[in-house]
């Protein structure tokens, strides 16, 4: 490999971490799920609806932040056959 040039394998390596805005929307949905779940177990319908509302807000944030563009598709693995995945 020539110094300063990336090989085909290292060129496609990316981070699967995502953006902070995407993690924020997922965190809001997770908190909403936890609050609603706690409300269900405590028979507190106010908490259930607050949690459901938080989940919807997180979903709207996910649409606004376009979190599906964070997906990184790696290059095909070289040297692996179908038999190697069994």
PDB file of N, CA and C in Angstrom:
ATOM      1  N   UNK A   1       0.842  -1.173   0.000  1.00  0.00           N
ATOM      2  CA  UNK A   1       0.000   0.000   0.000  1.00  0.00           C
ATOM      3  C   UNK A   1       0.886   1.235   0.000  1.00  0.00           C
ATOM      4  N   UNK A   2       0.560   2.178  -0.813  1.00  0.00           N
ATOM      5  CA  UNK A   2       1.313   3.420  -0.898  1.00  0.00           C
ATOM      6  C   UNK A   2       0.963   4.273   0.309  1.00  0.00           C
ATOM      7  N   UNK A   3       1.987   4.861   0.916  1.00  0.00           N
ATOM      8  CA  UNK A   3       1.750   5.678   2.097  1.00  0.00           C
ATOM      9  C   UNK A   3       0.865   6.872   1.735  1.00  0.00           C
ATOM     10  N   UNK A   4      -0.118   7.141   2.570  1.00  0.00           N
ATOM     11  CA  UNK A   4      -1.028   8.247   2.324  1.00  0.00           C
ATOM     12  C   UNK A   4      -2.286   7.854   1.560  1.00  0.00           C
ATOM     13  N   UNK A   5      -2.299   6.663   1.000  1.00  0.00           N
ATOM     14  CA  UNK A   5      -3.489   6.195   0.288  1.00  0.00           C
ATOM     15  C   UNK A   5      -4.165   5.112   1.120  1.00  0.00           C
ATOM     16  N   UNK A   6      -5.465   5.111   1.064  1.00  0.00           N
ATOM     17  CA  UNK A   6      -6.224   4.099   1.789  1.00  0.00           C
ATOM     18  C   UNK A   6      -6.481   2.913   0.882  1.00  0.00           C
ATOM     19  N   UNK A   7      -6.455   1.731   1.483  1.00  0.00           N
ATOM     20  CA  UNK A   7      -6.804   0.558   0.699  1.00  0.00           C
ATOM     21  C   UNK A   7      -8.322   0.490   0.567  1.00  0.00           C
ATOM     22  N   UNK A   8      -8.797  -0.386  -0.292  1.00  0.00           N
ATOM     23  CA  UNK A   8     -10.241  -0.507  -0.498  1.00  0.00           C
ATOM     24  C   UNK A   8     -10.933  -0.979   0.776  1.00  0.00           C
ATOM     25  N   UNK A   9     -10.249  -1.813   1.559  1.00  0.00           N
ATOM     26  CA  UNK A   9     -10.867  -2.328   2.778  1.00  0.00           C
ATOM     27  C   UNK A   9     -10.967  -1.246   3.846  1.00  0.00           C
ATOM     28  N   UNK A  10      -9.932  -0.440   4.029  1.00  0.00           N
ATOM     29  CA  UNK A  10      -9.971   0.571   5.079  1.00  0.00           C
ATOM     30  C   UNK A  10     -10.760   1.805   4.667  1.00  0.00           C
ATOM     31  N   UNK A  11     -10.985   1.986   3.386  1.00  0.00           N
ATOM     32  CA  UNK A  11     -11.709   3.155   2.917  1.00  0.00           C
ATOM     33  C   UNK A  11     -13.173   3.111   3.342  1.00  0.00           C
ATOM     34  N   UNK A  12     -13.752   1.937   3.453  1.00  0.00           N
ATOM     35  CA  UNK A  12     -15.170   1.815   3.756  1.00  0.00           C
ATOM     36  C   UNK A  12     -15.459   1.612   5.239  1.00  0.00           C
ATOM     37  N   UNK A  13     -14.424   1.607   6.064  1.00  0.00           N
ATOM     38  CA  UNK A  13     -14.669   1.442   7.489  1.00  0.00           C
ATOM     39  C   UNK A  13     -15.249   2.734   8.033  1.00  0.00           C
ATOM     40  N   UNK A  14     -16.323   2.634   8.748  1.00  0.00           N
ATOM     41  CA  UNK A  14     -16.970   3.827   9.281  1.00  0.00           C
ATOM     42  C   UNK A  14     -17.407   3.585  10.702  1.00  0.00           C
ATOM     43  N   UNK A  15     -17.932   4.607  11.304  1.00  0.00           N
ATOM     44  CA  UNK A  15     -18.408   4.512  12.678  1.00  0.00           C
ATOM     45  C   UNK A  15     -19.893   4.160  12.665  1.00  0.00           C
ATOM     46  N   UNK A  16     -20.272   3.284  13.531  1.00  0.00           N
ATOM     47  CA  UNK A  16     -21.680   2.936  13.689  1.00  0.00           C
ATOM     48  C   UNK A  16     -22.289   3.700  14.868  1.00  0.00           C
ATOM     49  N   UNK A  17     -21.566   4.702  15.351  1.00  0.00           N
ATOM     50  CA  UNK A  17     -21.995   5.423  16.541  1.00  0.00           C
ATOM     51  C   UNK A  17     -23.188   6.331  16.328  1.00  0.00           C
ATOM     52  N   UNK A  18     -23.311   6.961  15.191  1.00  0.00           N
ATOM     53  CA  UNK A  18     -24.417   7.868  14.944  1.00  0.00           C
ATOM     54  C   UNK A  18     -24.133   9.262  15.480  1.00  0.00           C
ATOM     55  N   UNK A  19     -25.000  10.174  15.111  1.00  0.00           N
ATOM     56  CA  UNK A  19     -24.862  11.568  15.544  1.00  0.00           C
ATOM     57  C   UNK A  19     -25.491  11.757  16.910  1.00  0.00           C
ATOM     58  N   UNK A  20     -25.101  12.822  17.582  1.00  0.00           N
ATOM     59  CA  UNK A  20     -25.649  13.126  18.912  1.00  0.00           C
ATOM     60  C   UNK A  20     -27.146  13.413  18.827  1.00  0.00           C
ATOM     61  N   UNK A  21     -27.583  14.051  17.758  1.00  0.00           N
ATOM     62  CA  UNK A  21     -29.009  14.346  17.617  1.00  0.00           C
ATOM     63  C   UNK A  21     -29.829  13.061  17.479  1.00  0.00           C
ATOM     64  N   UNK A  22     -29.263  12.077  16.819  1.00  0.00           N
ATOM     65  CA  UNK A  22     -29.964  10.799  16.697  1.00  0.00           C
ATOM     66  C   UNK A  22     -30.071  10.107  18.047  1.00  0.00           C
ATOM     67  N   UNK A  23     -28.990  10.141  18.812  1.00  0.00           N
ATOM     68  CA  UNK A  23     -29.020   9.537  20.138  1.00  0.00           C
ATOM     69  C   UNK A  23     -29.982  10.277  21.056  1.00  0.00           C
ATOM     70  N   UNK A  24     -30.130  11.580  20.877  1.00  0.00           N
ATOM     71  CA  UNK A  24     -31.081  12.341  21.684  1.00  0.00           C
ATOM     72  C   UNK A  24     -32.503  11.863  21.427  1.00  0.00           C
ATOM     73  N   UNK A  25     -32.859  11.687  20.165  1.00  0.00           N
ATOM     74  CA  UNK A  25     -34.221  11.236  19.864  1.00  0.00           C
ATOM     75  C   UNK A  25     -34.459   9.822  20.385  1.00  0.00           C
ATOM     76  N   UNK A  26     -33.462   8.954  20.288  1.00  0.00           N
ATOM     77  CA  UNK A  26     -33.602   7.593  20.818  1.00  0.00           C
ATOM     78  C   UNK A  26     -33.709   7.628  22.342  1.00  0.00           C
ATOM     79  N   UNK A  27     -32.946   8.505  22.983  1.00  0.00           N
ATOM     80  CA  UNK A  27     -33.002   8.615  24.446  1.00  0.00           C
ATOM     81  C   UNK A  27     -34.377   9.103  24.903  1.00  0.00           C
ATOM     82  N   UNK A  28     -34.950  10.052  24.170  1.00  0.00           N
ATOM     83  CA  UNK A  28     -36.295  10.546  24.530  1.00  0.00           C
ATOM     84  C   UNK A  28     -37.317   9.424  24.404  1.00  0.00           C
ATOM     85  N   UNK A  29     -37.216   8.635  23.340  1.00  0.00           N
ATOM     86  CA  UNK A  29     -38.149   7.509  23.183  1.00  0.00           C
ATOM     87  C   UNK A  29     -37.941   6.457  24.270  1.00  0.00           C
ATOM     88  N   UNK A  30     -36.684   6.220  24.653  1.00  0.00           N
ATOM     89  CA  UNK A  30     -36.407   5.251  25.711  1.00  0.00           C
ATOM     90  C   UNK A  30     -36.969   5.721  27.051  1.00  0.00           C
ATOM     91  N   UNK A  31     -36.784   6.993  27.367  1.00  0.00           N
ATOM     92  CA  UNK A  31     -37.341   7.538  28.611  1.00  0.00           C
ATOM     93  C   UNK A  31     -38.862   7.447  28.579  1.00  0.00           C
ATOM     94  N   UNK A  32     -39.470   7.740  27.442  1.00  0.00           N
ATOM     95  CA  UNK A  32     -40.927   7.617  27.324  1.00  0.00           C
ATOM     96  C   UNK A  32     -41.400   6.201  27.555  1.00  0.00           C
ATOM     97  N   UNK A  33     -40.659   5.232  27.023  1.00  0.00           N
ATOM     98  CA  UNK A  33     -41.024   3.829  27.224  1.00  0.00           C
ATOM     99  C   UNK A  33     -40.905   3.432  28.693  1.00  0.00           C
ATOM    100  N   UNK A  34     -39.842   3.887  29.341  1.00  0.00           N
ATOM    101  CA  UNK A  34     -39.644   3.563  30.761  1.00  0.00           C
ATOM    102  C   UNK A  34     -40.730   4.198  31.618  1.00  0.00           C
ATOM    103  N   UNK A  35     -41.040   5.467  31.358  1.00  0.00           N
ATOM    104  CA  UNK A  35     -42.085   6.152  32.131  1.00  0.00           C
ATOM    105  C   UNK A  35     -43.438   5.470  31.924  1.00  0.00           C
ATOM    106  N   UNK A  36     -43.774   5.138  30.689  1.00  0.00           N
ATOM    107  CA  UNK A  36     -45.055   4.474  30.417  1.00  0.00           C
ATOM    108  C   UNK A  36     -45.091   3.086  31.052  1.00  0.00           C
ATOM    109  N   UNK A  37     -43.988   2.363  30.987  1.00  0.00           N
ATOM    110  CA  UNK A  37     -43.937   1.039  31.610  1.00  0.00           C
ATOM    111  C   UNK A  37     -44.092   1.113  33.118  1.00  0.00           C
ATOM    112  N   UNK A  38     -43.445   2.096  33.732  1.00  0.00           N
ATOM    113  CA  UNK A  38     -43.608   2.273  35.171  1.00  0.00           C
ATOM    114  C   UNK A  38     -45.044   2.653  35.505  1.00  0.00           C
ATOM    115  N   UNK A  39     -45.639   3.504  34.665  1.00  0.00           N
ATOM    116  CA  UNK A  39     -47.038   3.889  34.883  1.00  0.00           C
ATOM    117  C   UNK A  39     -47.983   2.707  34.782  1.00  0.00           C
ATOM    118  N   UNK A  40     -47.684   1.787  33.852  1.00  0.00           N
ATOM    119  CA  UNK A  40     -48.528   0.589  33.731  1.00  0.00           C
ATOM    120  C   UNK A  40     -48.418  -0.294  34.966  1.00  0.00           C
ATOM    121  N   UNK A  41     -47.196  -0.481  35.459  1.00  0.00           N
ATOM    122  CA  UNK A  41     -47.033  -1.360  36.626  1.00  0.00           C
ATOM    123  C   UNK A  41     -47.565  -0.717  37.895  1.00  0.00           C
ATOM    124  N   UNK A  42     -47.582   0.626  37.949  1.00  0.00           N
ATOM    125  CA  UNK A  42     -48.084   1.328  39.129  1.00  0.00           C
ATOM    126  C   UNK A  42     -49.565   1.687  38.996  1.00  0.00           C
ATOM    127  N   UNK A  43     -50.194   1.283  37.899  1.00  0.00           N
ATOM    128  CA  UNK A  43     -51.605   1.607  37.626  1.00  0.00           C
ATOM    129  C   UNK A  43     -51.846   3.110  37.674  1.00  0.00           C
ATOM    130  N   UNK A  44     -50.904   3.867  37.132  1.00  0.00           N
ATOM    131  CA  UNK A  44     -51.018   5.315  37.087  1.00  0.00           C
ATOM    132  C   UNK A  44     -51.146   5.723  35.618  1.00  0.00           C
ATOM    133  N   UNK A  45     -52.394   5.967  35.189  1.00  0.00           N
ATOM    134  CA  UNK A  45     -52.634   6.239  33.780  1.00  0.00           C
ATOM    135  C   UNK A  45     -52.068   7.575  33.330  1.00  0.00           C
ATOM    136  N   UNK A  46     -51.891   8.503  34.258  1.00  0.00           N
ATOM    137  CA  UNK A  46     -51.275   9.781  33.905  1.00  0.00           C
ATOM    138  C   UNK A  46     -49.830   9.552  33.440  1.00  0.00           C
ATOM    139  N   UNK A  47     -49.082   8.702  34.149  1.00  0.00           N
ATOM    140  CA  UNK A  47     -47.707   8.389  33.738  1.00  0.00           C
ATOM    141  C   UNK A  47     -47.667   7.635  32.412  1.00  0.00           C
ATOM    142  N   UNK A  48     -48.644   6.776  32.182  1.00  0.00           N
ATOM    143  CA  UNK A  48     -48.696   6.042  30.914  1.00  0.00           C
ATOM    144  C   UNK A  48     -48.830   7.018  29.759  1.00  0.00           C
ATOM    145  N   UNK A  49     -49.729   7.988  29.886  1.00  0.00           N
ATOM    146  CA  UNK A  49     -49.943   8.941  28.792  1.00  0.00           C
ATOM    147  C   UNK A  49     -48.784   9.923  28.655  1.00  0.00           C
ATOM    148  N   UNK A  50     -48.154  10.299  29.767  1.00  0.00           N
ATOM    149  CA  UNK A  50     -46.965  11.150  29.685  1.00  0.00           C
ATOM    150  C   UNK A  50     -45.849  10.406  28.958  1.00  0.00           C
ATOM    151  N   UNK A  51     -45.662   9.127  29.298  1.00  0.00           N
ATOM    152  CA  UNK A  51     -44.649   8.310  28.622  1.00  0.00           C
ATOM    153  C   UNK A  51     -44.957   8.135  27.147  1.00  0.00           C
ATOM    154  N   UNK A  52     -46.226   7.921  26.825  1.00  0.00           N
ATOM    155  CA  UNK A  52     -46.612   7.794  25.421  1.00  0.00           C
ATOM    156  C   UNK A  52     -46.359   9.098  24.673  1.00  0.00           C
ATOM    157  N   UNK A  53     -46.626  10.217  25.325  1.00  0.00           N
ATOM    158  CA  UNK A  53     -46.362  11.518  24.715  1.00  0.00           C
ATOM    159  C   UNK A  53     -44.874  11.740  24.482  1.00  0.00           C
ATOM    160  N   UNK A  54     -44.054  11.351  25.449  1.00  0.00           N
ATOM    161  CA  UNK A  54     -42.598  11.458  25.279  1.00  0.00           C
ATOM    162  C   UNK A  54     -42.125  10.594  24.117  1.00  0.00           C
ATOM    163  N   UNK A  55     -42.704   9.417  23.999  1.00  0.00           N
ATOM    164  CA  UNK A  55     -42.321   8.536  22.901  1.00  0.00           C
ATOM    165  C   UNK A  55     -42.674   9.163  21.551  1.00  0.00           C
ATOM    166  N   UNK A  56     -43.835   9.767  21.455  1.00  0.00           N
ATOM    167  CA  UNK A  56     -44.244  10.423  20.213  1.00  0.00           C
ATOM    168  C   UNK A  56     -43.322  11.610  19.910  1.00  0.00           C
ATOM    169  N   UNK A  57     -42.960  12.380  20.925  1.00  0.00           N
ATOM    170  CA  UNK A  57     -42.027  13.494  20.730  1.00  0.00           C
ATOM    171  C   UNK A  57     -40.686  12.975  20.226  1.00  0.00           C
ATOM    172  N   UNK A  58     -40.213  11.876  20.799  1.00  0.00           N
ATOM    173  CA  UNK A  58     -38.965  11.271  20.327  1.00  0.00           C
ATOM    174  C   UNK A  58     -39.066  10.799  18.889  1.00  0.00           C
ATOM    175  N   UNK A  59     -40.220  10.270  18.512  1.00  0.00           N
ATOM    176  CA  UNK A  59     -40.419   9.848  17.132  1.00  0.00           C
ATOM    177  C   UNK A  59     -40.421  11.020  16.167  1.00  0.00           C
ATOM    178  N   UNK A  60     -41.024  12.116  16.579  1.00  0.00           N
ATOM    179  CA  UNK A  60     -41.013  13.315  15.741  1.00  0.00           C
ATOM    180  C   UNK A  60     -39.588  13.845  15.610  1.00  0.00           C
ATOM    181  N   UNK A  61     -38.839  13.849  16.724  1.00  0.00           N
ATOM    182  CA  UNK A  61     -37.429  14.258  16.661  1.00  0.00           C
ATOM    183  C   UNK A  61     -36.638  13.360  15.715  1.00  0.00           C
ATOM    184  N   UNK A  62     -36.924  12.060  15.754  1.00  0.00           N
ATOM    185  CA  UNK A  62     -36.220  11.123  14.871  1.00  0.00           C
ATOM    186  C   UNK A  62     -36.507  11.448  13.403  1.00  0.00           C
ATOM    187  N   UNK A  63     -37.730  11.806  13.095  1.00  0.00           N
ATOM    188  CA  UNK A  63     -38.058  12.185  11.718  1.00  0.00           C
ATOM    189  C   UNK A  63     -37.381  13.492  11.321  1.00  0.00           C
ATOM    190  N   UNK A  64     -37.375  14.466  12.240  1.00  0.00           N
ATOM    191  CA  UNK A  64     -36.766  15.762  11.953  1.00  0.00           C
ATOM    192  C   UNK A  64     -35.249  15.624  11.780  1.00  0.00           C
ATOM    193  N   UNK A  65     -34.615  14.820  12.650  1.00  0.00           N
ATOM    194  CA  UNK A  65     -33.161  14.650  12.588  1.00  0.00           C
ATOM    195  C   UNK A  65     -32.742  13.655  11.519  1.00  0.00           C
ATOM    196  N   UNK A  66     -33.704  12.953  10.916  1.00  0.00           N
ATOM    197  CA  UNK A  66     -33.434  11.976   9.861  1.00  0.00           C
ATOM    198  C   UNK A  66     -32.388  10.955  10.320  1.00  0.00           C
ATOM    199  N   UNK A  67     -32.742  10.220  11.383  1.00  0.00           N
ATOM    200  CA  UNK A  67     -31.762   9.330  12.006  1.00  0.00           C
ATOM    201  C   UNK A  67     -31.395   8.134  11.132  1.00  0.00           C
ATOM    202  N   UNK A  68     -32.177   7.823  10.129  1.00  0.00           N
ATOM    203  CA  UNK A  68     -31.857   6.670   9.293  1.00  0.00           C
ATOM    204  C   UNK A  68     -30.682   6.925   8.363  1.00  0.00           C
ATOM    205  N   UNK A  69     -30.262   8.176   8.246  1.00  0.00           N
ATOM    206  CA  UNK A  69     -29.078   8.457   7.429  1.00  0.00           C
ATOM    207  C   UNK A  69     -27.794   8.153   8.181  1.00  0.00           C
ATOM    208  N   UNK A  70     -27.887   7.779   9.451  1.00  0.00           N
ATOM    209  CA  UNK A  70     -26.699   7.425  10.234  1.00  0.00           C
ATOM    210  C   UNK A  70     -26.192   6.027   9.925  1.00  0.00           C
ATOM    211  N   UNK A  71     -26.944   5.241   9.193  1.00  0.00           N
ATOM    212  CA  UNK A  71     -26.561   3.863   8.917  1.00  0.00           C
ATOM    213  C   UNK A  71     -25.328   3.850   8.024  1.00  0.00           C
ATOM    214  N   UNK A  72     -24.329   3.078   8.432  1.00  0.00           N
ATOM    215  CA  UNK A  72     -23.106   2.938   7.648  1.00  0.00           C
ATOM    216  C   UNK A  72     -23.086   1.528   7.093  1.00  0.00           C
ATOM    217  N   UNK A  73     -23.014   1.420   5.789  1.00  0.00           N
ATOM    218  CA  UNK A  73     -22.968   0.109   5.163  1.00  0.00           C
ATOM    219  C   UNK A  73     -21.527  -0.189   4.815  1.00  0.00           C
ATOM    220  N   UNK A  74     -21.007  -1.244   5.402  1.00  0.00           N
ATOM    221  CA  UNK A  74     -19.625  -1.634   5.150  1.00  0.00           C
ATOM    222  C   UNK A  74     -19.482  -2.239   3.767  1.00  0.00           C
ATOM    223  N   UNK A  75     -18.248  -2.235   3.304  1.00  0.00           N
ATOM    224  CA  UNK A  75     -17.930  -2.897   2.045  1.00  0.00           C
ATOM    225  C   UNK A  75     -18.082  -4.404   2.243  1.00  0.00           C
ATOM    226  N   UNK A  76     -18.341  -5.136   1.188  1.00  0.00           N
ATOM    227  CA  UNK A  76     -18.442  -6.594   1.322  1.00  0.00           C
ATOM    228  C   UNK A  76     -17.145  -7.178   1.874  1.00  0.00           C
ATOM    229  N   UNK A  77     -17.287  -8.166   2.705  1.00  0.00           N
ATOM    230  CA  UNK A  77     -16.117  -8.818   3.294  1.00  0.00           C
ATOM    231  C   UNK A  77     -15.403  -9.633   2.225  1.00  0.00           C
ATOM    232  N   UNK A  78     -14.114  -9.492   2.176  1.00  0.00           N
ATOM    233  CA  UNK A  78     -13.305 -10.196   1.184  1.00  0.00           C
ATOM    234  C   UNK A  78     -12.840 -11.509   1.790  1.00  0.00           C
ATOM    235  N   UNK A  79     -12.956 -12.587   1.028  1.00  0.00           N
ATOM    236  CA  UNK A  79     -12.434 -13.864   1.474  1.00  0.00           C
ATOM    237  C   UNK A  79     -13.401 -14.713   2.271  1.00  0.00           C
ATOM    238  N   UNK A  80     -14.600 -14.260   2.510  1.00  0.00           N
ATOM    239  CA  UNK A  80     -15.566 -15.049   3.251  1.00  0.00           C
ATOM    240  C   UNK A  80     -16.512 -15.729   2.285  1.00  0.00           C
ATOM    241  N   UNK A  81     -16.751 -16.986   2.556  1.00  0.00           N
ATOM    242  CA  UNK A  81     -17.697 -17.752   1.732  1.00  0.00           C
ATOM    243  C   UNK A  81     -18.974 -17.946   2.538  1.00  0.00           C
ATOM    244  N   UNK A  82     -20.005 -18.393   1.866  1.00  0.00           N
ATOM    245  CA  UNK A  82     -21.282 -18.639   2.547  1.00  0.00           C
ATOM    246  C   UNK A  82     -21.124 -19.715   3.616  1.00  0.00           C
ATOM    247  N   UNK A  83     -20.224 -20.668   3.408  1.00  0.00           N
ATOM    248  CA  UNK A  83     -20.024 -21.727   4.390  1.00  0.00           C
ATOM    249  C   UNK A  83     -19.422 -21.221   5.687  1.00  0.00           C
ATOM    250  N   UNK A  84     -18.744 -20.074   5.650  1.00  0.00           N
ATOM    251  CA  UNK A  84     -18.118 -19.530   6.843  1.00  0.00           C
ATOM    252  C   UNK A  84     -19.132 -18.946   7.811  1.00  0.00           C
ATOM    253  N   UNK A  85     -20.362 -18.718   7.383  1.00  0.00           N
ATOM    254  CA  UNK A  85     -21.377 -18.095   8.214  1.00  0.00           C
ATOM    255  C   UNK A  85     -22.293 -19.088   8.895  1.00  0.00           C
ATOM    256  N   UNK A  86     -22.010 -20.352   8.784  1.00  0.00           N
ATOM    257  CA  UNK A  86     -22.889 -21.349   9.416  1.00  0.00           C
ATOM    258  C   UNK A  86     -22.445 -21.649  10.797  1.00  0.00           C
TER     259      UNK A  86
END
